[in-house]
Protein backbone atom coordinates (compact mmCIF):
# COMPACT_ATOMS: atom_id res chain seq x y z
CA MET A 1 114.36 108.51 97.51
CA ASP A 2 113.23 104.86 95.57
CA ARG A 3 111.48 101.86 97.30
CA LYS A 4 109.78 99.08 95.52
CA ALA A 5 107.55 96.29 95.11
CA SER A 6 107.05 94.28 92.46
CA ALA A 7 104.26 91.46 91.62
CA ILE A 8 103.22 88.45 90.13
CA TRP A 9 100.23 86.67 88.60
CA ASN A 10 99.53 83.14 87.11
CA GLY A 11 96.16 82.97 85.10
CA ASP A 12 93.45 84.72 84.42
CA LEU A 13 91.94 87.18 86.50
CA LYS A 14 89.27 85.03 88.07
CA SER A 15 91.12 82.13 88.71
CA GLY A 16 94.00 83.00 88.61
CA HIS A 17 96.94 83.92 91.79
CA GLY A 18 100.08 85.66 92.29
CA ALA A 19 102.27 87.53 94.80
CA ILE A 20 103.55 90.83 96.40
CA THR A 21 107.12 90.59 97.58
CA THR A 22 108.75 94.70 98.73
CA GLN A 23 112.07 95.42 98.67
CA SER A 24 112.16 95.10 102.40
CA ASN A 25 110.19 91.56 102.22
CA THR A 26 107.99 92.46 104.61
CA LEU A 27 106.23 91.13 101.84
CA LYS A 28 107.38 87.95 100.77
CA ASP A 29 105.56 86.43 98.10
CA THR A 30 102.11 87.39 100.28
CA GLN A 31 99.61 85.75 98.34
CA TYR A 32 96.33 87.80 96.12
CA SER A 33 93.96 86.60 93.54
CA PHE A 34 90.21 87.79 92.52
CA LYS A 35 88.79 85.87 95.49
CA SER A 36 90.62 88.39 98.20
CA ARG A 37 90.36 91.32 96.50
CA PHE A 38 87.09 91.37 95.29
CA GLU A 39 84.63 89.01 97.78
CA GLU A 40 86.46 86.73 100.66
CA GLY A 41 89.32 85.41 100.50
CA THR A 42 92.92 84.15 101.71
CA GLY A 43 95.29 86.82 101.14
CA THR A 44 95.95 90.34 100.79
CA ASN A 45 94.77 92.74 98.19
CA PRO A 46 96.25 96.28 96.59
CA GLU A 47 92.99 98.67 98.15
CA GLU A 48 94.26 97.15 101.55
CA LEU A 49 97.93 98.01 101.02
CA ILE A 50 97.22 101.47 99.81
CA ALA A 51 95.09 101.79 103.56
CA ALA A 52 98.10 99.81 105.56
CA ALA A 53 100.51 102.86 103.74
CA HIS A 54 97.62 105.66 103.89
CA ALA A 55 97.13 104.63 108.23
CA GLY A 56 101.09 104.00 108.26
CA CYS A 57 101.80 107.52 106.62
CA TYR A 58 98.96 109.65 108.52
CA SER A 59 100.06 108.52 111.59
CA MET A 60 103.75 109.73 111.05
CA ALA A 61 103.03 112.86 109.37
CA PHE A 62 100.33 113.57 112.76
CA ALA A 63 103.64 112.80 114.54
CA ASN A 64 105.53 115.05 113.01
CA MET A 65 103.13 117.42 112.70
CA LEU A 66 101.99 117.56 116.68
CA ALA A 67 106.31 117.68 117.42
CA THR A 68 106.98 120.65 114.97
CA GLU A 69 104.90 122.12 117.28
CA GLY A 70 105.97 121.09 120.58
CA PHE A 71 103.53 118.50 121.11
CA THR A 72 105.08 114.74 122.04
CA ALA A 73 101.72 112.31 121.23
CA THR A 74 101.86 108.94 123.79
CA SER A 75 100.49 106.99 120.35
CA VAL A 76 99.17 107.95 117.67
CA ASP A 77 96.46 105.04 115.81
CA THR A 78 95.37 105.44 112.25
CA THR A 79 92.76 103.22 110.77
CA ALA A 80 92.30 103.88 106.90
CA VAL A 81 89.09 102.45 105.05
CA VAL A 82 89.68 102.48 100.94
CA THR A 83 86.49 102.03 99.46
CA LEU A 84 86.87 100.48 96.28
CA ASP A 85 83.17 101.28 94.06
CA PRO A 86 82.91 98.17 91.59
CA SER A 87 80.06 100.35 89.88
CA THR A 88 82.21 103.30 88.44
CA PRO A 89 82.78 104.18 84.85
CA GLY A 90 85.57 102.44 83.01
CA GLY A 91 85.88 99.95 86.21
CA PRO A 92 86.90 99.63 89.50
CA THR A 93 87.87 103.23 90.88
CA VAL A 94 89.85 104.23 94.76
CA THR A 95 86.41 106.82 95.12
CA LYS A 96 87.35 107.24 98.70
CA ILE A 97 89.05 106.73 102.12
CA HIS A 98 88.29 107.33 105.53
CA LEU A 99 91.06 108.14 108.23
CA ILE A 100 89.95 107.29 112.09
CA ASN A 101 92.53 108.70 114.26
CA THR A 102 92.75 107.99 118.19
CA SER A 103 95.80 109.74 119.31
CA VAL A 104 97.24 110.49 123.04
CA VAL A 105 98.54 113.75 122.99
CA PRO A 106 99.44 115.74 126.34
CA ASN A 107 99.00 119.73 126.79
CA ILE A 108 96.69 119.47 123.76
CA ASP A 109 93.92 121.75 123.95
CA LYS A 110 90.95 120.40 121.28
CA ALA A 111 91.12 122.97 118.65
CA LYS A 112 95.38 122.74 118.49
CA PHE A 113 94.47 119.90 118.20
CA GLU A 114 91.54 119.14 115.34
CA GLU A 115 93.85 122.06 113.35
CA LEU A 116 97.35 119.68 113.55
CA ALA A 117 94.72 116.42 112.29
CA ALA A 118 93.81 118.12 109.40
CA LYS A 119 96.80 119.81 108.50
CA ALA A 120 98.70 116.32 108.90
CA LYS A 121 95.55 114.71 106.72
CA ALA A 122 96.22 117.24 104.28
CA GLY A 123 99.96 117.21 103.76
CA CYS A 124 100.84 113.23 104.23
CA PRO A 125 102.45 111.89 101.34
CA ILE A 126 100.82 109.86 100.73
CA SER A 127 97.36 111.52 100.96
CA ARG A 128 98.57 114.17 98.63
CA LEU A 129 98.86 110.66 96.15
CA LEU A 130 95.51 109.56 96.55
CA ALA A 131 93.73 112.76 96.13
CA ALA A 132 91.65 112.23 93.57
CA ALA A 133 89.59 109.96 96.00
CA THR A 134 87.58 112.25 98.62
CA ILE A 135 89.66 111.75 101.73
CA THR A 136 87.62 111.85 104.88
CA LEU A 137 89.26 111.87 108.46
CA ASP A 138 87.93 111.95 112.42
CA ALA A 139 90.34 112.27 114.96
CA THR A 140 89.28 111.81 118.36
CA LEU A 141 92.19 113.50 121.59
CA ALA A 142 91.49 110.76 124.19
């Protein structure tokens, strides 16, 4: 299964601008720029998109992990915080990702919840892709 997105950039790094479009057109000519990436500007940036992908992937993986073990989640709510360190030797690098999850899962005990949350973090395809970064997790059973 292949998925694709495209990006175009016009101009130099600091004063240029670009647009990102996804295969599904969920993002269509979505603006990104140096300011939206390294400062506070209008538009998206690669790290924000990685955070969205990781949060979505983890939520799906955790819901599936729970279902495989016989639990049906009422909700699995995940936020991913991606840290871009601009001072890394060799250039700016994503060094860590912190997943923050709050889930409502009837009839599960805290120990089983935490075990499956950790397994989902390790098994999520995007976690595996981003394994070069330190990935941490705070999971809360609500």
